[in-house]
Amino acid sequence: MVNNNNQILPLLTEADREELEGVVQVLANVTKLPVEMVKPHFDALLEQLMKSKQDQPFYKTATVLEWITAFREWAESHRRDTPLLSEYALSRAGIYDDDENEDI
């Protein structure tokens, strides 16, 4: 599926393009208009929908797989040579050490 603005629609897979061509055919059948008249309207609508999705932030449009991939990339971006905290530093006594000595 190609239109005047070749930026968004080429991102579709071949299977998506075939499905969309089927949708255009169904619309042509329903409206009793030739495919050549339906296709430009459908392309414009599809492009508008795709652009509105691109304008939204990642967290609104991301799939579960995209979240997993982004999280893993974020986790891998951190240094691996950072020293770990001791058991005491993670314990309640280590966290609230100063609070135990204060009278409230």
C-alpha atoms as a PDB file:
ATOM      1  CA  MET A   1       0.000   0.000   0.000  1.00  0.00           C
ATOM      2  CA  VAL A   2       1.622   3.197  -1.154  1.00  0.00           C
ATOM      3  CA  ASN A   3       0.409   6.748  -0.982  1.00  0.00           C
ATOM      4  CA  ASN A   4       1.802  10.218  -1.614  1.00  0.00           C
ATOM      5  CA  ASN A   5       3.539  10.354   1.757  1.00  0.00           C
ATOM      6  CA  ASN A   6       5.860   7.334   1.683  1.00  0.00           C
ATOM      7  CA  GLN A   7       7.020   7.690   5.274  1.00  0.00           C
ATOM      8  CA  ILE A   8       4.575   5.573   7.271  1.00  0.00           C
ATOM      9  CA  LEU A   9       3.015   2.945   5.050  1.00  0.00           C
ATOM     10  CA  PRO A  10       6.274   1.267   3.966  1.00  0.00           C
ATOM     11  CA  LEU A  11       6.762   0.325   7.632  1.00  0.00           C
ATOM     12  CA  LEU A  12       3.960  -2.228   7.254  1.00  0.00           C
ATOM     13  CA  THR A  13       4.707  -5.893   6.659  1.00  0.00           C
ATOM     14  CA  GLU A  14       3.660  -7.641   3.483  1.00  0.00           C
ATOM     15  CA  ALA A  15       0.973  -9.531   5.430  1.00  0.00           C
ATOM     16  CA  ASP A  16      -0.405  -6.229   6.755  1.00  0.00           C
ATOM     17  CA  ARG A  17      -0.466  -4.784   3.265  1.00  0.00           C
ATOM     18  CA  GLU A  18      -2.394  -7.780   1.962  1.00  0.00           C
ATOM     19  CA  GLU A  19      -4.928  -7.480   4.796  1.00  0.00           C
ATOM     20  CA  LEU A  20      -5.344  -3.778   4.122  1.00  0.00           C
ATOM     21  CA  GLU A  21      -5.913  -4.431   0.429  1.00  0.00           C
ATOM     22  CA  GLY A  22      -8.673  -6.826   1.520  1.00  0.00           C
ATOM     23  CA  VAL A  23     -10.198  -4.087   3.686  1.00  0.00           C
ATOM     24  CA  VAL A  24     -10.156  -1.715   0.710  1.00  0.00           C
ATOM     25  CA  GLN A  25     -11.930  -4.366  -1.370  1.00  0.00           C
ATOM     26  CA  VAL A  26     -14.573  -4.857   1.343  1.00  0.00           C
ATOM     27  CA  LEU A  27     -15.118  -1.097   1.563  1.00  0.00           C
ATOM     28  CA  ALA A  28     -15.473  -0.913  -2.203  1.00  0.00           C
ATOM     29  CA  ASN A  29     -18.041  -3.723  -2.121  1.00  0.00           C
ATOM     30  CA  VAL A  30     -20.013  -2.132   0.736  1.00  0.00           C
ATOM     31  CA  THR A  31     -20.047   1.353  -0.785  1.00  0.00           C
ATOM     32  CA  LYS A  32     -20.534   0.090  -4.356  1.00  0.00           C
ATOM     33  CA  LEU A  33     -17.666   2.360  -5.405  1.00  0.00           C
ATOM     34  CA  PRO A  34     -14.663   1.339  -7.471  1.00  0.00           C
ATOM     35  CA  VAL A  35     -11.492   0.431  -5.567  1.00  0.00           C
ATOM     36  CA  GLU A  36      -9.712   3.365  -7.235  1.00  0.00           C
ATOM     37  CA  MET A  37     -12.086   5.778  -5.479  1.00  0.00           C
ATOM     38  CA  VAL A  38     -12.004   4.064  -2.080  1.00  0.00           C
ATOM     39  CA  LYS A  39      -8.245   3.522  -1.861  1.00  0.00           C
ATOM     40  CA  PRO A  40      -7.155   7.205  -1.580  1.00  0.00           C
ATOM     41  CA  HIS A  41      -9.637   7.806   1.247  1.00  0.00           C
ATOM     42  CA  PHE A  42      -8.573   4.637   3.016  1.00  0.00           C
ATOM     43  CA  ASP A  43      -4.874   5.503   2.619  1.00  0.00           C
ATOM     44  CA  ALA A  44      -5.460   8.972   4.087  1.00  0.00           C
ATOM     45  CA  LEU A  45      -7.370   7.532   7.047  1.00  0.00           C
ATOM     46  CA  LEU A  46      -4.732   4.885   7.663  1.00  0.00           C
ATOM     47  CA  GLU A  47      -1.940   7.442   7.544  1.00  0.00           C
ATOM     48  CA  GLN A  48      -3.795   9.718   9.957  1.00  0.00           C
ATOM     49  CA  LEU A  49      -4.286   6.829  12.388  1.00  0.00           C
ATOM     50  CA  MET A  50      -0.640   5.769  12.131  1.00  0.00           C
ATOM     51  CA  LYS A  51       0.570   9.343  12.705  1.00  0.00           C
ATOM     52  CA  SER A  52      -1.626   9.770  15.769  1.00  0.00           C
ATOM     53  CA  LYS A  53      -0.110   6.581  17.188  1.00  0.00           C
ATOM     54  CA  GLN A  54       3.404   7.909  16.537  1.00  0.00           C
ATOM     55  CA  ASP A  55       2.591  11.163  18.331  1.00  0.00           C
ATOM     56  CA  GLN A  56       1.668   9.308  21.523  1.00  0.00           C
ATOM     57  CA  PRO A  57       4.279   8.514  24.179  1.00  0.00           C
ATOM     58  CA  PHE A  58       5.854   5.075  24.393  1.00  0.00           C
ATOM     59  CA  TYR A  59       3.949   4.033  27.501  1.00  0.00           C
ATOM     60  CA  LYS A  60       0.590   4.526  25.762  1.00  0.00           C
ATOM     61  CA  THR A  61       1.346   2.529  22.636  1.00  0.00           C
ATOM     62  CA  ALA A  62       3.953  -0.063  23.611  1.00  0.00           C
ATOM     63  CA  THR A  63       3.132  -3.736  23.474  1.00  0.00           C
ATOM     64  CA  VAL A  64       4.206  -6.149  26.200  1.00  0.00           C
ATOM     65  CA  LEU A  65       7.125  -7.284  24.040  1.00  0.00           C
ATOM     66  CA  GLU A  66       8.220  -3.674  23.465  1.00  0.00           C
ATOM     67  CA  TRP A  67       8.114  -3.032  27.248  1.00  0.00           C
ATOM     68  CA  ILE A  68      10.204  -6.137  27.904  1.00  0.00           C
ATOM     69  CA  THR A  69      12.731  -5.162  25.255  1.00  0.00           C
ATOM     70  CA  ALA A  70      12.968  -1.569  26.526  1.00  0.00           C
ATOM     71  CA  PHE A  71      13.391  -2.736  30.123  1.00  0.00           C
ATOM     72  CA  ARG A  72      16.147  -5.172  29.193  1.00  0.00           C
ATOM     73  CA  GLU A  73      17.955  -2.509  27.179  1.00  0.00           C
ATOM     74  CA  TRP A  74      17.685  -0.133  30.143  1.00  0.00           C
ATOM     75  CA  ALA A  75      18.980  -2.777  32.558  1.00  0.00           C
ATOM     76  CA  GLU A  76      21.882  -3.647  30.254  1.00  0.00           C
ATOM     77  CA  SER A  77      22.843   0.033  30.019  1.00  0.00           C
ATOM     78  CA  HIS A  78      24.000   0.111  33.647  1.00  0.00           C
ATOM     79  CA  ARG A  79      27.541  -0.570  34.805  1.00  0.00           C
ATOM     80  CA  ARG A  80      28.223  -4.067  36.059  1.00  0.00           C
ATOM     81  CA  ASP A  81      31.201  -3.189  38.264  1.00  0.00           C
ATOM     82  CA  THR A  82      29.230  -1.238  40.882  1.00  0.00           C
ATOM     83  CA  PRO A  83      29.885  -2.666  44.365  1.00  0.00           C
ATOM     84  CA  LEU A  84      26.924  -4.372  46.007  1.00  0.00           C
ATOM     85  CA  LEU A  85      25.500  -3.277  49.348  1.00  0.00           C
ATOM     86  CA  SER A  86      26.314  -5.384  52.400  1.00  0.00           C
ATOM     87  CA  GLU A  87      23.683  -7.437  54.216  1.00  0.00           C
ATOM     88  CA  TYR A  88      23.838  -4.924  57.086  1.00  0.00           C
ATOM     89  CA  ALA A  89      23.229  -1.995  54.741  1.00  0.00           C
ATOM     90  CA  LEU A  90      20.064  -3.708  53.502  1.00  0.00           C
ATOM     91  CA  SER A  91      18.842  -4.719  56.963  1.00  0.00           C
ATOM     92  CA  ARG A  92      16.367  -2.713  59.016  1.00  0.00           C
ATOM     93  CA  ALA A  93      19.059  -1.953  61.597  1.00  0.00           C
ATOM     94  CA  GLY A  94      21.313  -0.584  58.878  1.00  0.00           C
ATOM     95  CA  ILE A  95      18.593   1.578  57.413  1.00  0.00           C
ATOM     96  CA  TYR A  96      17.214   2.941  60.716  1.00  0.00           C
ATOM     97  CA  ASP A  97      20.429   2.877  62.761  1.00  0.00           C
ATOM     98  CA  ASP A  98      20.200   6.561  63.743  1.00  0.00           C
ATOM     99  CA  ASP A  99      16.479   6.348  64.625  1.00  0.00           C
ATOM    100  CA  GLU A 100      17.072   3.751  67.362  1.00  0.00           C
ATOM    101  CA  ASN A 101      19.223   6.144  69.395  1.00  0.00           C
ATOM    102  CA  GLU A 102      16.771   9.046  69.276  1.00  0.00           C
ATOM    103  CA  ASP A 103      13.990   9.471  71.844  1.00  0.00           C
ATOM    104  CA  ILE A 104      10.785  10.509  70.210  1.00  0.00           C
END
